[in-house]
Protein backbone atom coordinates (compact mmCIF):
# COMPACT_ATOMS: atom_id res chain seq x y z
CA UNK A 1 24.37 -18.65 38.15
CA UNK A 2 24.55 -14.95 37.25
CA UNK A 3 28.32 -15.19 36.83
CA UNK A 4 27.99 -18.11 34.39
CA UNK A 5 25.36 -16.24 32.38
CA UNK A 6 27.58 -13.16 32.19
CA UNK A 7 30.54 -15.25 31.01
CA UNK A 8 28.38 -16.89 28.33
CA UNK A 9 27.17 -13.52 27.00
CA UNK A 10 30.75 -12.20 27.01
CA UNK A 11 31.98 -15.27 25.11
CA UNK A 12 29.27 -14.89 22.42
CA UNK A 13 30.05 -11.18 22.07
CA UNK A 14 33.78 -11.90 21.64
CA UNK A 15 33.02 -14.46 18.93
CA UNK A 16 30.72 -12.12 17.01
CA UNK A 17 32.70 -8.94 17.61
CA UNK A 18 35.35 -9.37 14.89
CA UNK A 19 32.72 -10.58 12.42
CA UNK A 20 30.57 -7.51 12.79
CA UNK A 21 32.99 -4.68 13.40
CA UNK A 22 35.08 -5.60 10.39
CA UNK A 23 32.19 -6.59 8.15
CA UNK A 24 33.16 -3.85 5.70
CA UNK A 25 36.49 -3.78 3.86
CA UNK A 26 38.99 -1.09 4.75
CA UNK A 27 38.65 1.91 2.46
CA UNK A 28 40.39 5.28 2.51
CA UNK A 29 38.86 8.38 0.88
CA UNK A 30 40.06 11.96 0.53
CA UNK A 31 37.67 14.90 0.18
CA UNK A 32 37.53 18.67 0.57
CA UNK A 33 34.72 21.07 1.36
CA UNK A 34 35.28 22.92 -1.95
CA UNK A 35 37.34 22.35 -5.07
CA UNK A 36 37.60 26.00 -6.06
CA UNK A 37 39.06 28.21 -3.33
CA UNK A 38 40.21 31.77 -3.26
CA UNK A 39 43.75 32.62 -2.44
CA UNK A 40 44.12 33.08 1.30
CA UNK A 41 40.76 31.44 2.09
CA UNK A 42 40.26 28.47 4.38
CA UNK A 43 40.03 24.88 3.05
CA UNK A 44 39.09 21.72 4.94
CA UNK A 45 40.79 18.52 3.82
CA UNK A 46 39.25 15.29 5.26
CA UNK A 47 40.72 11.80 5.12
CA UNK A 48 38.10 9.15 5.86
CA UNK A 49 38.85 5.60 6.97
CA UNK A 50 35.92 3.22 6.48
CA UNK A 51 35.78 -0.14 8.27
CA UNK A 52 38.22 0.35 11.17
CA UNK A 53 38.48 2.55 14.26
CA UNK A 54 41.90 1.60 15.68
CA UNK A 55 44.09 2.80 12.81
CA UNK A 56 47.07 5.08 13.07
CA UNK A 57 47.11 8.58 11.68
CA UNK A 58 47.30 8.52 7.86
CA UNK A 59 50.38 9.88 6.13
CA UNK A 60 49.70 13.07 4.15
CA UNK A 61 51.44 13.72 0.84
CA UNK A 62 53.56 16.86 0.38
CA UNK A 63 51.18 19.84 0.60
CA UNK A 64 52.60 21.91 -2.24
CA UNK A 65 51.01 25.33 -2.48
CA UNK A 66 49.21 25.02 0.89
CA UNK A 67 49.94 25.86 4.47
CA UNK A 68 48.73 23.56 7.27
CA UNK A 69 46.71 25.58 9.80
CA UNK A 70 45.65 22.75 12.11
CA UNK A 71 45.04 19.07 12.22
CA UNK A 72 44.18 16.45 12.38
CA UNK A 73 40.81 16.79 14.07
CA UNK A 74 39.61 13.23 14.61
CA UNK A 75 35.94 12.19 14.58
CA UNK A 76 34.38 8.71 14.71
CA UNK A 77 30.96 7.56 13.53
CA UNK A 78 29.37 4.14 14.08
CA UNK A 79 26.28 2.82 12.27
CA UNK A 80 24.45 -0.48 12.84
CA UNK A 81 22.34 -1.70 9.92
CA UNK A 82 20.92 -5.25 9.93
CA UNK A 83 23.23 -6.24 12.83
CA UNK A 84 26.27 -5.15 10.79
CA UNK A 85 28.48 -2.49 12.39
CA UNK A 86 29.96 0.13 10.03
CA UNK A 87 32.71 2.39 11.39
CA UNK A 88 33.95 5.66 9.89
CA UNK A 89 36.92 7.58 11.27
CA UNK A 90 37.67 11.02 9.84
CA UNK A 91 40.89 13.05 10.03
CA UNK A 92 40.26 16.70 9.15
CA UNK A 93 43.02 19.22 8.33
CA UNK A 94 42.79 22.97 7.87
CA UNK A 95 44.66 24.28 4.80
CA UNK A 96 45.24 27.74 3.35
CA UNK A 97 46.34 28.09 -0.31
CA UNK A 98 49.44 30.24 -0.78
CA UNK A 99 49.44 30.77 -4.55
CA UNK A 100 47.20 30.69 -7.56
CA UNK A 101 46.92 27.60 -9.78
CA UNK A 102 45.75 23.99 -9.88
CA UNK A 103 47.06 21.56 -7.28
CA UNK A 104 46.63 17.87 -6.64
CA UNK A 105 46.17 16.63 -3.10
CA UNK A 106 46.83 12.95 -2.53
CA UNK A 107 46.94 10.11 -2.48
CA UNK A 108 46.96 9.67 1.30
CA UNK A 109 48.65 6.50 2.59
CA UNK A 110 47.46 4.38 5.54
CA UNK A 111 49.18 1.33 6.96
CA UNK A 112 46.97 -1.06 8.91
CA UNK A 113 47.72 -4.63 10.00
CA UNK A 114 50.51 -5.14 7.53
CA UNK A 115 48.61 -3.76 4.56
CA UNK A 116 48.93 -0.40 2.82
CA UNK A 117 45.85 1.49 1.68
CA UNK A 118 45.78 4.55 -0.58
CA UNK A 119 43.06 7.14 -1.11
CA UNK A 120 41.94 8.95 -4.21
CA UNK A 121 43.41 12.28 -5.32
CA UNK A 122 41.62 15.63 -5.25
CA UNK A 123 42.19 18.48 -7.71
CA UNK A 124 42.06 21.96 -6.12
CA UNK A 125 41.91 25.17 -8.14
CA UNK A 126 43.09 28.32 -6.38
CA UNK A 127 41.82 31.60 -7.85
CA UNK A 128 42.08 35.25 -6.99
CA UNK A 129 39.53 36.84 -4.75
CA UNK A 130 36.31 37.61 -6.65
CA UNK A 131 32.98 39.20 -5.66
CA UNK A 132 30.52 36.82 -4.06
CA UNK A 133 27.39 35.70 -5.90
CA UNK A 134 24.52 37.38 -4.12
CA UNK A 135 24.06 39.93 -1.38
CA UNK A 136 22.62 38.85 1.93
CA UNK A 137 21.18 42.13 3.15
CA UNK A 138 21.52 45.65 1.78
CA UNK A 139 20.50 47.29 5.04
CA UNK A 140 23.44 45.95 7.02
CA UNK A 141 27.10 45.60 6.40
CA UNK A 142 26.71 42.35 4.41
CA UNK A 143 28.02 43.28 1.03
CA UNK A 144 29.62 39.89 0.65
CA UNK A 145 27.75 37.03 -0.93
CA UNK A 146 27.88 33.33 -0.23
CA UNK A 147 28.99 30.87 -2.88
CA UNK A 148 26.49 28.06 -2.50
CA UNK A 149 26.25 26.61 -5.98
CA UNK A 150 28.53 23.74 -5.01
CA UNK A 151 27.48 23.57 -1.39
CA UNK A 152 23.92 22.48 -2.08
CA UNK A 153 22.32 21.19 -5.28
CA UNK A 154 19.69 18.68 -6.45
CA UNK A 155 19.55 15.98 -9.09
CA UNK A 156 16.79 13.93 -10.77
CA UNK A 157 17.76 10.69 -12.52
CA UNK A 158 16.19 7.44 -13.76
CA UNK A 159 17.75 4.00 -13.96
CA UNK A 160 17.03 3.79 -17.71
CA UNK A 161 16.35 6.10 -20.64
CA UNK A 162 14.44 3.56 -22.73
CA UNK A 163 11.74 1.21 -21.50
CA UNK A 164 8.74 -0.78 -22.64
CA UNK A 165 5.20 0.21 -21.78
CA UNK A 166 4.23 -1.05 -18.26
CA UNK A 167 7.93 -1.66 -17.47
CA UNK A 168 9.19 -0.51 -14.08
CA UNK A 169 11.38 2.63 -14.07
CA UNK A 170 13.14 3.82 -10.91
CA UNK A 171 13.19 7.61 -10.53
CA UNK A 172 15.54 9.08 -7.90
CA UNK A 173 15.56 12.60 -6.48
CA UNK A 174 18.85 13.43 -4.72
CA UNK A 175 19.65 16.40 -2.50
CA UNK A 176 23.39 17.07 -2.06
CA UNK A 177 24.62 19.35 0.71
CA UNK A 178 28.01 19.63 2.35
CA UNK A 179 28.56 18.28 5.81
CA UNK A 180 27.97 20.89 8.47
CA UNK A 181 25.81 23.09 6.25
CA UNK A 182 22.85 24.11 8.44
CA UNK A 183 19.63 23.88 6.40
CA UNK A 184 16.05 24.22 7.56
CA UNK A 185 12.48 24.49 6.22
CA UNK A 186 12.89 21.83 3.54
CA UNK A 187 10.16 21.80 0.90
CA UNK A 188 10.12 19.25 -1.92
CA UNK A 189 7.74 19.52 -4.88
CA UNK A 190 8.05 16.28 -6.89
CA UNK A 191 7.87 16.12 -10.65
CA UNK A 192 4.53 15.35 -12.23
CA UNK A 193 3.81 11.66 -12.85
CA UNK A 194 1.31 12.19 -15.66
CA UNK A 195 1.23 9.21 -18.06
CA UNK A 196 2.67 6.98 -15.31
CA UNK A 197 1.49 4.82 -12.45
CA UNK A 198 3.63 5.91 -9.49
CA UNK A 199 4.52 3.98 -6.32
CA UNK A 200 6.78 5.33 -3.55
CA UNK A 201 9.78 3.11 -2.80
CA UNK A 202 10.41 2.86 0.92
CA UNK A 203 11.61 5.65 3.15
CA UNK A 204 14.16 8.30 2.29
CA UNK A 205 17.82 7.22 2.17
CA UNK A 206 20.65 9.14 3.83
CA UNK A 207 24.29 8.49 3.02
CA UNK A 208 27.57 10.19 2.07
CA UNK A 209 29.05 10.53 -1.39
CA UNK A 210 32.17 12.15 -2.81
CA UNK A 211 31.48 14.25 -5.91
CA UNK A 212 34.36 16.03 -7.65
CA UNK A 213 36.49 15.59 -4.57
CA UNK A 214 33.89 17.07 -2.19
CA UNK A 215 32.20 15.00 0.51
CA UNK A 216 28.42 15.53 0.51
CA UNK A 217 25.55 14.34 2.64
CA UNK A 218 22.90 12.90 0.33
CA UNK A 219 19.16 12.63 0.89
CA UNK A 220 17.49 10.40 -1.72
CA UNK A 221 13.81 9.82 -2.51
CA UNK A 222 12.93 6.98 -4.88
CA UNK A 223 9.75 6.33 -6.87
CA UNK A 224 8.73 3.44 -9.14
CA UNK A 225 7.10 4.59 -12.40
CA UNK A 226 5.10 2.40 -14.80
CA UNK A 227 4.49 4.13 -18.17
CA UNK A 228 0.96 3.88 -19.52
CA UNK A 229 1.56 5.29 -23.01
CA UNK A 230 4.21 4.84 -25.68
CA UNK A 231 6.35 7.41 -27.43
CA UNK A 232 8.70 10.14 -26.21
CA UNK A 233 7.72 11.20 -22.68
CA UNK A 234 9.33 13.99 -20.71
CA UNK A 235 9.42 14.00 -16.91
CA UNK A 236 9.25 17.67 -15.85
CA UNK A 237 11.75 19.14 -13.35
CA UNK A 238 11.34 18.73 -9.60
CA UNK A 239 11.56 21.72 -7.27
CA UNK A 240 13.29 22.03 -3.92
CA UNK A 241 13.32 24.92 -1.46
CA UNK A 242 15.07 25.43 1.87
CA UNK A 243 16.73 28.03 4.07
CA UNK A 244 20.42 28.08 4.94
CA UNK A 245 21.15 29.33 8.46
CA UNK A 246 24.01 31.81 8.28
CA UNK A 247 25.71 33.27 11.31
CA UNK A 248 27.01 36.82 11.00
CA UNK A 249 30.02 37.67 13.13
CA UNK A 250 30.25 41.30 14.31
CA UNK A 251 33.44 43.04 15.32
CA UNK A 252 33.53 44.05 18.95
CA UNK A 253 33.87 47.75 19.69
CA UNK A 254 37.16 48.70 21.26
CA UNK A 255 35.24 50.22 24.15
CA UNK A 256 33.88 47.30 26.24
CA UNK A 257 31.16 49.51 27.76
CA UNK A 258 29.84 50.86 24.45
CA UNK A 259 27.03 48.89 22.77
CA UNK A 260 27.49 46.18 25.40
CA UNK A 261 24.33 44.29 24.42
CA UNK A 262 25.16 44.43 20.69
CA UNK A 263 28.22 42.20 20.83
CA UNK A 264 28.34 38.80 19.15
CA UNK A 265 28.07 36.88 22.42
CA UNK A 266 24.59 38.19 23.18
CA UNK A 267 23.61 38.06 19.51
CA UNK A 268 24.42 34.35 19.50
CA UNK A 269 22.56 33.79 22.76
CA UNK A 270 19.46 35.59 21.51
CA UNK A 271 19.70 34.17 18.00
CA UNK A 272 20.04 37.63 16.44
CA UNK A 273 23.15 36.75 14.46
CA UNK A 274 21.41 34.02 12.41
CA UNK A 275 20.17 34.88 8.95
CA UNK A 276 17.96 32.62 6.84
CA UNK A 277 19.25 32.58 3.31
CA UNK A 278 16.50 31.22 0.98
CA UNK A 279 17.64 28.71 -1.62
CA UNK A 280 15.60 27.27 -4.46
CA UNK A 281 16.81 24.55 -6.77
CA UNK A 282 15.22 22.95 -9.84
CA UNK A 283 16.33 19.69 -11.41
CA UNK A 284 16.68 19.07 -15.11
CA UNK A 285 13.86 17.38 -17.00
CA UNK A 286 14.26 13.77 -18.12
CA UNK A 287 13.36 12.51 -21.57
CA UNK A 288 12.32 8.87 -21.88
CA UNK A 289 11.58 6.70 -24.89
CA UNK A 290 8.73 4.28 -24.19
CA UNK A 291 8.48 1.42 -26.66
CA UNK A 292 5.34 -0.64 -27.40
CA UNK A 293 5.32 -4.36 -26.71
CA UNK A 294 6.11 -6.50 -29.78
CA UNK A 295 3.12 -8.03 -31.54
CA UNK A 296 5.00 -11.04 -32.85
CA UNK A 297 4.84 -14.19 -30.73
CA UNK A 298 2.42 -12.56 -28.28
CA UNK A 299 0.53 -15.32 -26.38
CA UNK A 300 -3.25 -15.39 -26.61
CA UNK A 301 -3.65 -15.26 -22.83
CA UNK A 302 -1.28 -12.27 -22.39
CA UNK A 303 -3.01 -9.63 -20.23
CA UNK A 304 -0.34 -6.90 -20.02
CA UNK A 305 1.98 -8.23 -17.30
CA UNK A 306 5.52 -6.85 -17.71
CA UNK A 307 8.35 -7.95 -15.43
CA UNK A 308 9.70 -11.23 -14.11
CA UNK A 309 7.34 -13.66 -12.36
CA UNK A 310 6.94 -17.21 -11.03
CA UNK A 311 3.77 -19.19 -10.28
CA UNK A 312 2.70 -21.71 -7.61
CA UNK A 313 -0.62 -23.61 -7.51
CA UNK A 314 -2.38 -25.38 -4.64
CA UNK A 315 -5.64 -27.40 -4.92
CA UNK A 316 -7.93 -27.95 -1.94
CA UNK A 317 -9.68 -30.33 -1.39
CA UNK A 318 -8.31 -33.08 -3.62
CA UNK A 319 -11.29 -35.41 -3.08
CA UNK A 320 -14.83 -34.13 -3.72
CA UNK A 321 -18.24 -35.19 -4.97
CA UNK A 322 -19.93 -34.05 -8.14
CA UNK A 323 -20.98 -30.43 -7.75
CA UNK A 324 -18.77 -29.75 -4.70
CA UNK A 325 -16.47 -26.71 -4.92
CA UNK A 326 -12.71 -27.04 -5.47
CA UNK A 327 -10.49 -24.05 -4.70
CA UNK A 328 -7.45 -23.31 -6.87
CA UNK A 329 -4.95 -21.08 -5.02
CA UNK A 330 -2.73 -19.53 -7.71
CA UNK A 331 0.15 -17.41 -6.37
CA UNK A 332 2.04 -15.13 -8.78
CA UNK A 333 5.35 -13.76 -7.41
CA UNK A 334 7.87 -11.45 -8.97
CA UNK A 335 9.09 -7.96 -9.78
CA UNK A 336 6.80 -5.55 -11.60
CA UNK A 337 3.44 -3.88 -11.18
CA UNK A 338 1.88 -6.58 -8.99
CA UNK A 339 -1.40 -4.72 -8.50
CA UNK A 340 -2.35 -4.81 -12.20
CA UNK A 341 -1.68 -8.50 -12.85
CA UNK A 342 -4.53 -10.27 -14.60
CA UNK A 343 -6.06 -13.62 -13.69
CA UNK A 344 -4.22 -16.71 -15.00
CA UNK A 345 -5.92 -18.79 -17.69
CA UNK A 346 -7.40 -22.28 -17.22
CA UNK A 347 -7.02 -24.62 -20.19
CA UNK A 348 -10.34 -26.51 -20.35
CA UNK A 349 -10.48 -29.54 -22.63
CA UNK A 350 -14.27 -29.60 -22.34
CA UNK A 351 -16.27 -26.59 -21.20
CA UNK A 352 -18.86 -28.91 -19.64
CA UNK A 353 -16.36 -30.51 -17.26
CA UNK A 354 -16.26 -27.63 -14.76
CA UNK A 355 -18.42 -24.76 -13.63
CA UNK A 356 -16.11 -21.73 -13.21
CA UNK A 357 -16.54 -18.71 -10.93
CA UNK A 358 -14.61 -15.38 -10.87
CA UNK A 359 -11.43 -15.46 -8.80
CA UNK A 360 -10.84 -13.41 -5.65
CA UNK A 361 -7.46 -11.63 -5.71
CA UNK A 362 -5.28 -10.50 -2.81
CA UNK A 363 -2.13 -8.39 -3.43
CA UNK A 364 0.86 -8.20 -1.08
CA UNK A 365 3.91 -5.95 -1.65
CA UNK A 366 6.94 -7.64 -0.06
CA UNK A 367 9.77 -5.21 -0.99
CA UNK A 368 9.94 -1.55 -1.96
CA UNK A 369 13.66 -0.88 -1.61
CA UNK A 370 15.12 -1.80 -5.01
CA UNK A 371 11.80 -1.83 -6.88
CA UNK A 372 8.26 -3.10 -6.51
CA UNK A 373 8.31 -6.78 -5.60
CA UNK A 374 5.44 -8.84 -4.24
CA UNK A 375 2.85 -11.50 -4.85
CA UNK A 376 -0.77 -11.73 -5.95
CA UNK A 377 -2.92 -14.64 -4.78
CA UNK A 378 -5.91 -15.73 -6.88
CA UNK A 379 -8.49 -17.98 -5.19
CA UNK A 380 -10.64 -19.50 -7.93
CA UNK A 381 -13.57 -21.86 -7.29
CA UNK A 382 -14.37 -24.57 -9.83
CA UNK A 383 -17.03 -27.32 -9.63
CA UNK A 384 -16.61 -30.70 -11.33
CA UNK A 385 -19.79 -31.64 -13.21
CA UNK A 386 -19.30 -35.43 -13.49
CA UNK A 387 -17.38 -38.21 -11.84
CA UNK A 388 -15.16 -38.97 -14.85
CA UNK A 389 -12.92 -35.97 -14.10
CA UNK A 390 -9.46 -37.08 -13.00
CA UNK A 391 -7.56 -33.75 -12.70
CA UNK A 392 -7.96 -30.00 -12.60
CA UNK A 393 -7.40 -27.96 -15.75
CA UNK A 394 -3.88 -26.86 -16.66
CA UNK A 395 -3.07 -23.25 -15.65
CA UNK A 396 -0.99 -20.81 -17.69
CA UNK A 397 0.26 -17.26 -17.09
CA UNK A 398 2.03 -15.13 -19.72
CA UNK A 399 4.19 -12.03 -19.22
CA UNK A 400 6.74 -9.97 -21.10
CA UNK A 401 10.32 -9.99 -19.77
CA UNK A 402 11.87 -6.57 -20.60
CA UNK A 403 15.40 -7.80 -19.84
CA UNK A 404 15.16 -10.68 -22.30
CA UNK A 405 12.82 -8.65 -24.56
CA UNK A 406 10.53 -11.59 -25.18
CA UNK A 407 7.31 -13.17 -23.93
CA UNK A 408 7.39 -15.94 -21.33
CA UNK A 409 4.60 -18.37 -20.46
CA UNK A 410 4.45 -20.31 -17.20
CA UNK A 411 2.33 -23.47 -17.38
CA UNK A 412 1.31 -25.56 -14.39
CA UNK A 413 0.33 -29.13 -15.23
CA UNK A 414 -3.11 -30.52 -14.19
CA UNK A 415 -3.32 -31.62 -10.57
CA UNK A 416 -5.00 -35.00 -9.89
CA UNK A 417 -8.33 -34.93 -8.02
CA UNK A 418 -10.87 -37.59 -7.10
CA UNK A 419 -14.51 -36.88 -8.02
CA UNK A 420 -17.14 -39.19 -6.54
CA UNK A 421 -20.82 -39.61 -7.34
CA UNK A 422 -23.11 -37.38 -5.30
CA UNK A 423 -26.05 -39.06 -3.51
CA UNK A 424 -27.61 -35.84 -2.28
CA UNK A 425 -30.11 -34.09 -4.51
CA UNK A 426 -31.38 -30.64 -3.61
CA UNK A 427 -34.60 -29.66 -5.46
CA UNK A 428 -34.89 -26.10 -6.67
CA UNK A 429 -38.57 -25.01 -6.74
CA UNK A 430 -38.27 -22.60 -9.64
CA UNK A 431 -39.92 -22.79 -13.04
CA UNK A 432 -39.91 -20.62 -16.15
CA UNK A 433 -42.77 -18.41 -17.26
CA UNK A 434 -43.72 -21.03 -19.86
CA UNK A 435 -44.01 -23.79 -17.25
CA UNK A 436 -47.18 -25.04 -18.99
CA UNK A 437 -45.16 -25.85 -22.09
CA UNK A 438 -42.69 -27.76 -19.95
CA UNK A 439 -45.55 -30.15 -19.00
CA UNK A 440 -44.90 -29.79 -15.29
CA UNK A 441 -41.34 -31.09 -15.41
CA UNK A 442 -38.98 -29.29 -13.02
CA UNK A 443 -35.21 -29.62 -13.47
CA UNK A 444 -33.41 -30.64 -10.27
CA UNK A 445 -30.05 -28.98 -9.57
CA UNK A 446 -27.77 -31.00 -7.27
CA UNK A 447 -25.30 -28.24 -6.39
CA UNK A 448 -23.98 -26.73 -3.19
CA UNK A 449 -23.16 -23.46 -4.92
CA UNK A 450 -25.90 -22.31 -7.32
CA UNK A 451 -25.07 -20.33 -10.45
CA UNK A 452 -25.76 -16.64 -10.33
CA UNK A 453 -29.21 -15.84 -11.80
CA UNK A 454 -28.85 -12.80 -13.99
CA UNK A 455 -32.51 -12.58 -15.12
CA UNK A 456 -34.65 -13.13 -12.05
CA UNK A 457 -37.71 -11.54 -13.66
CA UNK A 458 -38.10 -14.59 -15.91
CA UNK A 459 -38.80 -16.83 -12.89
CA UNK A 460 -41.90 -17.22 -10.73
CA UNK A 461 -42.97 -19.44 -7.81
CA UNK A 462 -44.83 -22.63 -8.65
CA UNK A 463 -47.51 -22.05 -5.98
CA UNK A 464 -49.91 -19.11 -5.67
CA UNK A 465 -49.44 -17.04 -2.53
CA UNK A 466 -52.20 -17.55 0.07
CA UNK A 467 -52.58 -13.87 0.81
CA UNK A 468 -53.35 -13.21 -2.88
CA UNK A 469 -56.45 -15.48 -2.96
CA UNK A 470 -59.81 -13.61 -3.02
CA UNK A 471 -61.53 -15.87 -0.46
CA UNK A 472 -58.68 -15.29 1.98
CA UNK A 473 -59.24 -11.54 1.71
CA UNK A 474 -63.00 -12.11 2.28
CA UNK A 475 -62.18 -14.19 5.35
CA UNK A 476 -59.90 -11.49 6.74
CA UNK A 477 -62.44 -8.69 6.28
CA UNK A 478 -65.55 -10.72 7.27
CA UNK A 479 -64.23 -12.00 10.63
CA UNK A 480 -64.19 -8.61 12.46
CA UNK A 481 -67.58 -7.68 10.92
CA UNK A 482 -69.24 -10.82 12.31
CA UNK A 483 -67.63 -10.23 15.69
CA UNK A 484 -68.99 -6.67 15.78
CA UNK A 485 -72.49 -7.91 14.85
CA UNK A 486 -72.38 -10.40 17.73
CA UNK A 487 -71.36 -7.66 20.18
CA UNK A 488 -74.14 -5.36 18.95
CA UNK A 489 -76.70 -8.15 19.33
CA UNK A 490 -75.70 -8.85 22.93
CA UNK A 491 -75.69 -5.17 23.85
CA UNK A 492 -79.12 -4.71 22.23
CA UNK A 493 -80.51 -7.68 24.12
CA UNK A 494 -79.39 -6.23 27.43
CA UNK A 495 -80.95 -2.83 26.70
CA UNK A 496 -84.35 -4.37 25.75
CA UNK A 497 -84.43 -6.38 28.94
CA UNK A 498 -83.97 -3.19 30.96
CA UNK A 499 -86.20 -0.80 28.97
CA UNK A 500 -88.85 -2.87 27.13
CA UNK A 501 -91.31 -4.47 29.64
CA UNK A 502 -93.18 -6.49 27.03
CA UNK A 503 -89.86 -7.89 25.65
CA UNK A 504 -88.69 -8.71 29.14
CA UNK A 505 -92.08 -10.35 30.02
CA UNK A 506 -91.90 -12.35 26.78
CA UNK A 507 -88.45 -13.62 27.63
CA UNK A 508 -89.61 -14.35 31.17
CA UNK A 509 -92.58 -16.32 29.85
CA UNK A 510 -90.30 -18.29 27.60
CA UNK A 511 -88.08 -19.13 30.57
CA UNK A 512 -90.17 -18.86 33.74
CA UNK A 513 -88.37 -18.64 37.06
CA UNK A 514 -85.25 -17.00 35.56
CA UNK A 515 -83.92 -13.57 36.50
CA UNK A 516 -84.28 -10.80 33.99
CA UNK A 517 -80.56 -9.87 33.38
CA UNK A 518 -77.61 -10.74 31.16
CA UNK A 519 -76.03 -13.16 33.59
CA UNK A 520 -78.95 -15.65 33.42
CA UNK A 521 -78.40 -19.04 31.84
CA UNK A 522 -80.73 -18.18 28.99
CA UNK A 523 -78.69 -15.17 27.96
CA UNK A 524 -75.48 -17.15 28.21
CA UNK A 525 -77.02 -19.93 26.11
CA UNK A 526 -78.06 -17.42 23.42
CA UNK A 527 -74.60 -15.89 23.34
CA UNK A 528 -72.87 -19.26 23.04
CA UNK A 529 -75.28 -20.26 20.27
CA UNK A 530 -74.50 -17.06 18.35
CA UNK A 531 -70.72 -17.47 18.70
CA UNK A 532 -70.96 -21.10 17.63
CA UNK A 533 -72.85 -20.04 14.54
CA UNK A 534 -70.19 -17.42 13.72
CA UNK A 535 -67.33 -19.91 14.21
CA UNK A 536 -69.13 -22.47 12.07
CA UNK A 537 -69.55 -19.86 9.36
CA UNK A 538 -65.85 -18.93 9.50
CA UNK A 539 -64.91 -22.60 9.37
CA UNK A 540 -66.90 -23.06 6.19
CA UNK A 541 -65.14 -20.09 4.63
CA UNK A 542 -61.72 -21.53 5.54
CA UNK A 543 -62.58 -24.94 4.03
CA UNK A 544 -63.71 -23.29 0.81
CA UNK A 545 -60.51 -21.22 0.80
CA UNK A 546 -58.25 -24.29 1.14
CA UNK A 547 -60.09 -26.15 -1.59
CA UNK A 548 -59.69 -23.24 -4.00
């Protein structure tokens, strides 16, 4: 079983292998590490083969004016992006210019599977030795400077110089540095986005690019800008800082025992031969012309949407009763500033046909690589007011297309719905302040979703609250007072029986043969009679309170 599974995987890999490894076309490029070189200095000449890894060594043209020091040094790089394999094979040669002047290297020829491929040509200028640009350190023997103007630089560009207000503009910041250049401590200060809405586009991009015959590594940061004002707008320069790690090579002393720990081997091990050369680069500013939207042929329902959009509509449910809610799901998709899209317009033939409520919007950005793309979903609730309604209102959405330079309106036709008579009536016990003028008539609203009451102070309850009635307050305060009176009477009766002989004899005469204490039947009878009287009194108060 395992053997069959292994054979199946191998068979699938063999089928897909040629499709992926050769997904890119064969391309040959020629590049150098610098286009201006001093006489006698070192120059690296690289021939790159894109799309194949099993090629033969390319054929170099006659190297007039140069001496070949070494080569080729072969390197291979493989990248997998979206299941597509990209292969790069580089052949690097070391050259030394022998004389002053301008020379052309290339084209390089490569034969592969019966086809012949040629590279571009590179122009090299050989000059006399000149002083370097800047000193590294005055305290040490570093009087030579490093020419880095063409080894690392930055660039700020936009995809267009003219645009309409609210139109999407792609701004790109690019950092170019030669392969193998050790840089550290990168610090990027982006240009100000005043007068724009800015949205970052994806993650940073890394790729290679040949500029003026030199192969650079490129780091690109992209931002989507949406201008908010018209006129001539200037994007200020962006700033970039970093440190270049430079290794200083020291000459060994002829005496191997003198300054043993100062030789380059231990300097490299301890990191003492590395010098951080600070570099700061500023881009150029960019001037843009932002045009206002044309006033002619502007739709009435236009709400400022600029870009390219489509619209889908879904109605749920399609069968309701009068007053039941119907949800319109309106989905706007396209390229532009999705977050600022306004609500589509409903074309009502009769304003009394539907009760409308504000829509709830949900924005989703689906792509940020080549520009802001996404969708905005509007959920709008409408309520049919009578059973003669046969369809929902037509829906329209207008936008300005900057590519066509004209307004576009998308219209969705009415969607059929079935509205039935509602048998359920829900009374609303609310009346206006002037209810007396209304002669006691209360309007009944048969709705599941009630309209929002914006002026609640103009309404009052039809009934009068029980706790606000005066007799109820008398009942509440009088009950504990009567209870206390009853308790005082009982306690007083007990004390007189124990302290007042004449009172006790009188009670005994009234009820002969009974004991003279509180637990006798006579005392219990008196207490029950008193409590009955109090309860009867409270009952009368409650009856009067209900009648009032």
